[in-house]
N, C-alpha and C. Protein backbone atom coordinates (compact mmCIF):
# COMPACT_ATOMS: atom_id res chain seq x y z
N UNK A 1 -26.10 3.77 -6.69
CA UNK A 1 -25.32 2.67 -6.70
C UNK A 1 -26.23 1.59 -6.65
N UNK A 2 -25.84 0.21 -7.35
CA UNK A 2 -26.61 -0.63 -7.46
C UNK A 2 -26.76 -1.57 -6.11
N UNK A 3 -27.67 -2.42 -6.13
CA UNK A 3 -27.69 -3.46 -4.80
C UNK A 3 -26.40 -4.32 -4.59
N UNK A 4 -26.40 -5.36 -4.01
CA UNK A 4 -25.62 -6.36 -3.70
C UNK A 4 -24.97 -6.88 -4.94
N UNK A 5 -23.72 -7.21 -5.16
CA UNK A 5 -23.34 -8.27 -6.16
C UNK A 5 -24.17 -9.55 -6.39
N UNK A 6 -23.91 -10.14 -7.30
CA UNK A 6 -24.55 -11.49 -7.47
C UNK A 6 -23.64 -12.55 -6.37
N UNK A 7 -24.24 -13.67 -5.91
CA UNK A 7 -23.31 -14.47 -5.23
C UNK A 7 -22.32 -14.75 -5.67
N UNK A 8 -22.09 -15.25 -6.75
CA UNK A 8 -20.86 -15.59 -7.56
C UNK A 8 -20.01 -14.50 -7.45
N UNK A 9 -20.22 -13.20 -7.65
CA UNK A 9 -19.33 -12.09 -7.70
C UNK A 9 -18.71 -11.78 -6.45
N UNK A 10 -19.90 -11.83 -5.59
CA UNK A 10 -19.43 -11.75 -4.09
C UNK A 10 -18.59 -12.77 -3.45
N UNK A 11 -18.72 -13.97 -3.70
CA UNK A 11 -17.90 -14.95 -3.29
C UNK A 11 -16.33 -14.86 -3.85
N UNK A 12 -16.48 -14.42 -5.09
CA UNK A 12 -15.36 -14.24 -5.86
C UNK A 12 -14.31 -13.15 -5.43
N UNK A 13 -15.07 -12.12 -5.23
CA UNK A 13 -14.46 -10.99 -4.42
C UNK A 13 -13.96 -11.54 -3.08
N UNK A 14 -14.74 -11.97 -2.30
CA UNK A 14 -14.20 -12.48 -1.06
C UNK A 14 -13.13 -13.46 -0.71
N UNK A 15 -13.18 -14.28 -1.55
CA UNK A 15 -12.12 -15.32 -1.89
C UNK A 15 -10.67 -14.73 -2.22
N UNK A 16 -10.85 -13.52 -3.35
CA UNK A 16 -9.47 -12.94 -3.71
C UNK A 16 -9.25 -12.09 -2.53
N UNK A 17 -10.15 -11.55 -1.81
CA UNK A 17 -9.34 -10.72 -0.54
C UNK A 17 -8.84 -11.75 0.63
N UNK A 18 -9.55 -12.78 0.88
CA UNK A 18 -8.94 -13.64 1.73
C UNK A 18 -7.63 -14.17 1.42
N UNK A 19 -7.47 -14.51 -0.07
CA UNK A 19 -6.28 -14.97 -0.57
C UNK A 19 -5.04 -13.78 -0.34
N UNK A 20 -5.53 -12.71 -0.78
CA UNK A 20 -4.58 -11.63 -0.73
C UNK A 20 -4.05 -11.47 0.75
N UNK A 21 -5.06 -11.60 1.87
CA UNK A 21 -4.57 -11.37 3.37
C UNK A 21 -3.68 -12.42 3.55
N UNK A 22 -4.06 -13.73 2.99
CA UNK A 22 -3.05 -14.94 3.64
C UNK A 22 -1.88 -14.86 3.47
N UNK A 23 -1.72 -13.96 2.12
CA UNK A 23 -0.15 -13.93 1.86
C UNK A 23 0.32 -12.35 2.24
N UNK A 24 -0.17 -11.56 3.22
CA UNK A 24 0.36 -10.28 3.81
C UNK A 24 0.20 -9.22 2.51
N UNK A 25 -0.61 -9.48 1.54
CA UNK A 25 -1.05 -8.28 0.66
C UNK A 25 -1.47 -7.13 1.31
N UNK A 26 -0.78 -5.84 0.84
CA UNK A 26 -0.95 -4.65 1.40
C UNK A 26 -2.16 -3.86 0.53
N UNK A 27 -2.81 -3.17 1.62
CA UNK A 27 -3.96 -2.19 0.77
C UNK A 27 -4.86 -2.62 0.03
N UNK A 28 -5.51 -3.86 0.09
CA UNK A 28 -6.53 -4.50 -0.60
C UNK A 28 -7.74 -3.94 -0.57
N UNK A 29 -8.50 -3.73 -1.89
CA UNK A 29 -9.52 -2.98 -2.04
C UNK A 29 -10.28 -3.46 -3.13
N UNK A 30 -11.53 -3.33 -2.99
CA UNK A 30 -12.32 -3.91 -4.20
C UNK A 30 -13.12 -2.79 -4.77
N UNK A 31 -13.49 -2.48 -5.95
CA UNK A 31 -13.97 -1.44 -6.46
C UNK A 31 -14.82 -1.89 -7.17
N UNK A 32 -16.37 -1.35 -7.08
CA UNK A 32 -17.31 -1.64 -7.86
C UNK A 32 -17.85 -0.94 -9.12
N UNK A 33 -17.38 -1.44 -10.17
CA UNK A 33 -17.66 -0.76 -11.50
C UNK A 33 -18.84 -0.71 -12.01
N UNK A 34 -19.87 -1.64 -11.61
CA UNK A 34 -21.22 -1.87 -12.25
C UNK A 34 -21.87 -0.63 -12.90
N UNK A 35 -21.76 0.35 -12.24
CA UNK A 35 -22.31 1.64 -12.94
C UNK A 35 -21.32 2.44 -13.67
N UNK A 36 -20.14 2.00 -13.66
CA UNK A 36 -19.31 2.83 -14.61
C UNK A 36 -19.09 2.21 -16.00
N UNK A 37 -18.82 0.86 -16.30
CA UNK A 37 -18.39 0.23 -17.31
C UNK A 37 -19.45 -1.30 -17.49
N UNK A 38 -19.52 -1.60 -18.90
CA UNK A 38 -20.57 -2.75 -18.83
C UNK A 38 -19.84 -4.29 -19.20
N UNK A 39 -18.32 -4.21 -19.07
CA UNK A 39 -17.77 -5.44 -19.42
C UNK A 39 -17.20 -6.29 -18.15
N UNK A 40 -17.41 -5.37 -17.16
CA UNK A 40 -17.09 -6.20 -15.97
C UNK A 40 -17.75 -5.64 -14.64
N UNK A 41 -17.74 -6.23 -13.64
CA UNK A 41 -18.52 -5.76 -12.27
C UNK A 41 -17.47 -5.21 -11.22
N UNK A 42 -16.38 -5.84 -11.21
CA UNK A 42 -15.36 -5.30 -10.06
C UNK A 42 -14.00 -5.55 -10.52
N UNK A 43 -13.24 -4.67 -9.69
CA UNK A 43 -11.52 -5.01 -9.71
C UNK A 43 -11.25 -5.10 -8.31
N UNK A 44 -10.43 -5.98 -7.90
CA UNK A 44 -9.84 -6.33 -6.74
C UNK A 44 -8.30 -5.73 -6.86
N UNK A 45 -7.75 -5.02 -6.27
CA UNK A 45 -6.57 -4.45 -6.22
C UNK A 45 -5.65 -4.88 -4.86
N UNK A 46 -4.43 -5.22 -4.90
CA UNK A 46 -3.56 -5.35 -3.67
C UNK A 46 -2.24 -5.45 -4.10
N UNK A 47 -1.35 -4.94 -3.19
CA UNK A 47 0.06 -4.79 -3.39
C UNK A 47 0.91 -5.78 -2.66
N UNK A 48 2.14 -6.24 -3.37
CA UNK A 48 2.97 -7.00 -2.57
C UNK A 48 4.23 -6.14 -2.76
N UNK A 49 5.26 -6.35 -1.92
CA UNK A 49 6.48 -5.76 -1.47
C UNK A 49 7.47 -5.73 -2.83
N UNK A 50 7.51 -7.33 -3.37
CA UNK A 50 8.62 -7.66 -4.18
C UNK A 50 7.94 -8.61 -5.22
N UNK A 51 8.75 -8.93 -6.12
CA UNK A 51 8.05 -10.02 -7.28
C UNK A 51 7.79 -11.19 -6.72
N UNK A 52 8.68 -11.68 -5.74
CA UNK A 52 8.15 -13.20 -4.97
C UNK A 52 6.79 -13.10 -4.19
N UNK A 53 6.78 -11.70 -3.70
CA UNK A 53 5.33 -11.66 -2.88
C UNK A 53 4.23 -11.46 -3.63
N UNK A 54 4.43 -10.74 -4.83
CA UNK A 54 3.30 -10.49 -5.75
C UNK A 54 2.89 -11.86 -6.48
N UNK A 55 3.91 -12.84 -6.69
CA UNK A 55 3.68 -14.01 -7.16
C UNK A 55 2.99 -14.91 -6.10
N UNK A 56 3.29 -14.82 -5.06
CA UNK A 56 2.52 -15.65 -4.02
C UNK A 56 1.26 -15.31 -3.64
N UNK A 57 0.95 -13.96 -3.85
CA UNK A 57 -0.48 -13.44 -3.68
C UNK A 57 -1.17 -13.71 -4.87
N UNK A 58 -0.89 -13.80 -5.80
CA UNK A 58 -1.56 -14.11 -6.93
C UNK A 58 -1.92 -15.47 -6.98
N UNK A 59 -0.84 -16.46 -6.58
CA UNK A 59 -1.22 -17.85 -6.51
C UNK A 59 -2.27 -18.24 -5.37
N UNK A 60 -2.16 -17.38 -4.39
CA UNK A 60 -3.15 -17.79 -3.30
C UNK A 60 -4.42 -17.13 -3.56
N UNK A 61 -4.55 -16.13 -4.29
CA UNK A 61 -5.82 -15.86 -4.56
C UNK A 61 -6.44 -16.75 -5.55
N UNK A 62 -5.75 -17.14 -6.64
CA UNK A 62 -6.15 -18.09 -7.39
C UNK A 62 -6.94 -19.36 -6.77
N UNK A 63 -5.96 -19.94 -5.79
CA UNK A 63 -6.08 -21.13 -5.10
C UNK A 63 -7.43 -20.84 -4.40
N UNK A 64 -7.43 -19.63 -3.69
CA UNK A 64 -8.70 -19.47 -2.82
C UNK A 64 -10.13 -19.45 -3.75
N UNK A 65 -10.05 -18.63 -4.72
CA UNK A 65 -11.25 -18.55 -5.72
C UNK A 65 -11.53 -19.80 -6.21
N UNK A 66 -10.60 -20.89 -6.72
CA UNK A 66 -10.76 -22.12 -7.11
C UNK A 66 -11.27 -22.93 -6.11
N UNK A 67 -10.90 -22.93 -4.89
CA UNK A 67 -11.51 -23.76 -3.75
C UNK A 67 -13.27 -23.18 -3.29
N UNK A 68 -13.26 -22.13 -3.58
CA UNK A 68 -14.70 -21.32 -3.21
C UNK A 68 -15.55 -21.62 -4.35
N UNK A 69 -15.09 -21.52 -5.66
CA UNK A 69 -16.00 -21.46 -6.60
C UNK A 69 -15.68 -22.59 -7.80
N UNK A 70 -14.51 -23.35 -7.61
CA UNK A 70 -14.19 -24.52 -8.53
C UNK A 70 -13.95 -23.70 -10.07
N UNK A 71 -13.22 -22.54 -9.98
CA UNK A 71 -13.20 -21.94 -11.59
C UNK A 71 -11.81 -21.24 -11.41
N UNK A 72 -11.07 -21.30 -12.50
CA UNK A 72 -9.73 -20.77 -12.77
C UNK A 72 -9.90 -19.42 -13.66
N UNK A 73 -9.03 -18.64 -13.79
CA UNK A 73 -9.07 -17.32 -14.53
C UNK A 73 -9.30 -17.60 -16.01
N UNK A 74 -9.58 -16.79 -16.58
CA UNK A 74 -9.93 -17.08 -18.16
C UNK A 74 -8.67 -16.48 -18.79
N UNK A 75 -7.73 -15.50 -18.12
CA UNK A 75 -6.50 -15.24 -18.41
C UNK A 75 -5.67 -14.82 -17.29
N UNK A 76 -4.28 -14.85 -17.50
CA UNK A 76 -3.61 -14.31 -16.45
C UNK A 76 -2.26 -13.60 -17.40
N UNK A 77 -2.29 -12.57 -17.06
CA UNK A 77 -1.14 -11.63 -17.55
C UNK A 77 -0.06 -11.39 -16.50
N UNK A 78 1.02 -10.96 -16.73
CA UNK A 78 2.13 -10.26 -16.12
C UNK A 78 2.98 -11.20 -15.20
N UNK A 79 2.79 -12.65 -15.28
CA UNK A 79 3.72 -13.52 -14.64
C UNK A 79 4.88 -13.31 -14.60
N UNK A 80 5.51 -13.33 -16.03
CA UNK A 80 7.09 -13.15 -16.10
C UNK A 80 7.83 -12.10 -15.01
N UNK A 81 7.25 -10.95 -15.13
CA UNK A 81 8.03 -9.92 -14.44
C UNK A 81 7.48 -9.45 -13.04
N UNK A 82 6.18 -10.11 -12.89
CA UNK A 82 5.47 -9.82 -11.36
C UNK A 82 5.34 -8.77 -10.95
N UNK A 83 5.45 -7.56 -11.90
CA UNK A 83 5.20 -6.13 -11.41
C UNK A 83 3.96 -5.88 -11.22
N UNK A 84 3.11 -6.57 -12.00
CA UNK A 84 1.66 -6.55 -12.22
C UNK A 84 0.95 -7.53 -12.73
N UNK A 85 0.31 -8.36 -12.05
CA UNK A 85 -0.16 -9.69 -12.30
C UNK A 85 -1.53 -9.64 -12.35
N UNK A 86 -2.49 -9.90 -13.47
CA UNK A 86 -3.73 -9.65 -13.60
C UNK A 86 -4.41 -11.04 -13.78
N UNK A 87 -5.38 -11.09 -13.06
CA UNK A 87 -6.18 -12.46 -13.20
C UNK A 87 -7.64 -12.18 -13.64
N UNK A 88 -8.02 -12.61 -14.60
CA UNK A 88 -9.21 -12.15 -15.44
C UNK A 88 -10.12 -13.28 -14.88
N UNK A 89 -11.15 -12.92 -14.25
CA UNK A 89 -12.01 -14.00 -14.01
C UNK A 89 -13.75 -13.42 -14.73
N UNK A 90 -13.73 -12.85 -15.81
CA UNK A 90 -14.74 -12.15 -16.53
C UNK A 90 -15.62 -11.06 -15.67
N UNK A 91 -16.40 -11.24 -14.88
CA UNK A 91 -16.93 -10.59 -13.92
C UNK A 91 -16.03 -9.44 -13.08
N UNK A 92 -14.99 -10.24 -12.72
CA UNK A 92 -13.90 -9.54 -11.56
C UNK A 92 -12.48 -9.79 -12.18
N UNK A 93 -11.94 -8.95 -12.27
CA UNK A 93 -10.37 -8.78 -12.41
C UNK A 93 -9.61 -8.44 -11.26
N UNK A 94 -8.67 -9.32 -10.64
CA UNK A 94 -7.84 -9.02 -9.70
C UNK A 94 -6.57 -8.76 -10.12
N UNK A 95 -5.93 -7.33 -9.85
CA UNK A 95 -4.90 -7.09 -9.82
C UNK A 95 -3.73 -6.92 -8.76
N UNK A 96 -2.84 -7.56 -9.08
CA UNK A 96 -1.71 -7.69 -7.66
C UNK A 96 -0.61 -7.23 -8.28
N UNK A 97 -0.07 -5.85 -7.70
CA UNK A 97 1.07 -5.18 -7.99
C UNK A 97 2.06 -5.26 -7.16
N UNK A 98 3.35 -5.16 -7.69
CA UNK A 98 4.20 -4.49 -6.62
C UNK A 98 3.85 -2.63 -6.26
N UNK A 99 4.51 -2.40 -5.38
CA UNK A 99 3.97 -1.02 -5.01
C UNK A 99 4.43 0.02 -5.75
N UNK A 100 5.57 0.04 -6.42
CA UNK A 100 5.96 0.94 -7.59
C UNK A 100 5.11 0.93 -8.74
N UNK A 101 4.56 -0.40 -9.15
CA UNK A 101 3.62 -0.35 -10.24
C UNK A 101 2.36 0.44 -9.88
N UNK A 102 1.82 -0.14 -8.64
CA UNK A 102 0.33 0.39 -8.31
C UNK A 102 0.34 1.96 -8.13
N UNK A 103 1.60 2.48 -7.37
CA UNK A 103 1.52 3.94 -7.42
C UNK A 103 1.58 4.40 -8.86
N UNK A 104 2.36 3.86 -9.73
CA UNK A 104 2.37 4.44 -10.81
C UNK A 104 0.99 4.68 -11.66
N UNK A 105 0.63 3.22 -12.07
CA UNK A 105 -0.82 2.99 -12.61
C UNK A 105 -1.94 3.72 -12.03
N UNK A 106 -2.11 3.77 -10.59
CA UNK A 106 -2.87 4.43 -9.93
C UNK A 106 -4.39 4.09 -10.32
N UNK A 107 -4.76 2.86 -10.18
CA UNK A 107 -6.24 2.70 -11.05
C UNK A 107 -7.05 3.15 -9.78
N UNK A 108 -6.65 3.19 -8.75
CA UNK A 108 -7.77 3.85 -7.66
C UNK A 108 -8.27 5.46 -7.93
N UNK A 109 -7.22 5.85 -8.25
CA UNK A 109 -7.51 7.45 -8.96
C UNK A 109 -8.26 7.42 -10.40
N UNK A 110 -7.73 6.46 -11.19
CA UNK A 110 -8.51 6.35 -12.40
C UNK A 110 -10.10 5.84 -12.40
N UNK A 111 -10.26 5.09 -11.19
CA UNK A 111 -11.72 4.53 -10.97
C UNK A 111 -12.33 5.51 -9.82
N UNK A 112 -11.66 6.49 -9.45
CA UNK A 112 -12.27 7.15 -8.15
C UNK A 112 -13.71 7.38 -7.94
N UNK A 113 -14.71 7.26 -8.88
CA UNK A 113 -15.98 7.28 -9.00
C UNK A 113 -16.78 6.25 -8.45
N UNK A 114 -15.70 5.12 -8.42
CA UNK A 114 -16.38 3.63 -8.06
C UNK A 114 -16.45 3.67 -6.55
N UNK A 115 -17.48 2.97 -6.09
CA UNK A 115 -17.75 2.70 -4.55
C UNK A 115 -16.48 1.89 -4.37
N UNK A 116 -15.99 1.81 -3.02
CA UNK A 116 -14.81 0.99 -2.77
C UNK A 116 -15.14 0.29 -1.40
N UNK A 117 -14.50 -0.71 -1.27
CA UNK A 117 -14.58 -1.64 0.03
C UNK A 117 -13.35 -2.12 0.17
N UNK A 118 -12.83 -1.58 1.61
CA UNK A 118 -11.42 -2.20 2.06
C UNK A 118 -11.82 -2.96 3.51
N UNK A 119 -11.39 -4.17 3.13
CA UNK A 119 -11.73 -5.16 4.53
C UNK A 119 -10.56 -4.84 5.49
N UNK A 120 -11.25 -5.00 6.73
CA UNK A 120 -10.55 -4.68 8.08
C UNK A 120 -9.34 -5.79 8.04
N UNK A 121 -8.23 -5.40 8.55
CA UNK A 121 -7.28 -6.46 8.88
C UNK A 121 -7.43 -7.16 9.84
N UNK A 122 -6.79 -8.60 9.40
CA UNK A 122 -7.07 -9.71 10.36
C UNK A 122 -6.25 -9.68 11.60
N UNK A 123 -5.15 -9.33 11.14
CA UNK A 123 -3.79 -9.51 11.97
C UNK A 123 -4.03 -8.61 13.22
C-alpha cells in the first residue's frame, strides 16, 4: 500500500465524509484505489434512506468540498432519480446511494482489494 494521499485528496475525502455525516449519511467509507487503477485515487461511498436524503447528502458533500478547497465537481450524475448520485472530482469520486442501489451495485465487494477507511461516528 502506498503512503498518505496528497493534501488535496486527503482534504477532499475528509470534507466529503464530514458532509455525509452532517446529513446523517449511513455507512460512509473511503476506498483507496491508487494501487488498483490509474484513473483516480479514491472512492467515497455513503447511503441515504430515501431520494430526499440522498440529494441532501450530495448537496452537503458538494458544499463542504467547495468550502474546504474551492472546487466544484467536474461532473454530477444521477440527480433526477437520486438512487445513485456520483460527484466526480477527478482524483476522488463520491457516490451517494439509496440503500437499495448500494446493496445492488455493491461497490465495496467489487473493490474489496482496496484498503478502506470508515470514520468513527460523531453522534
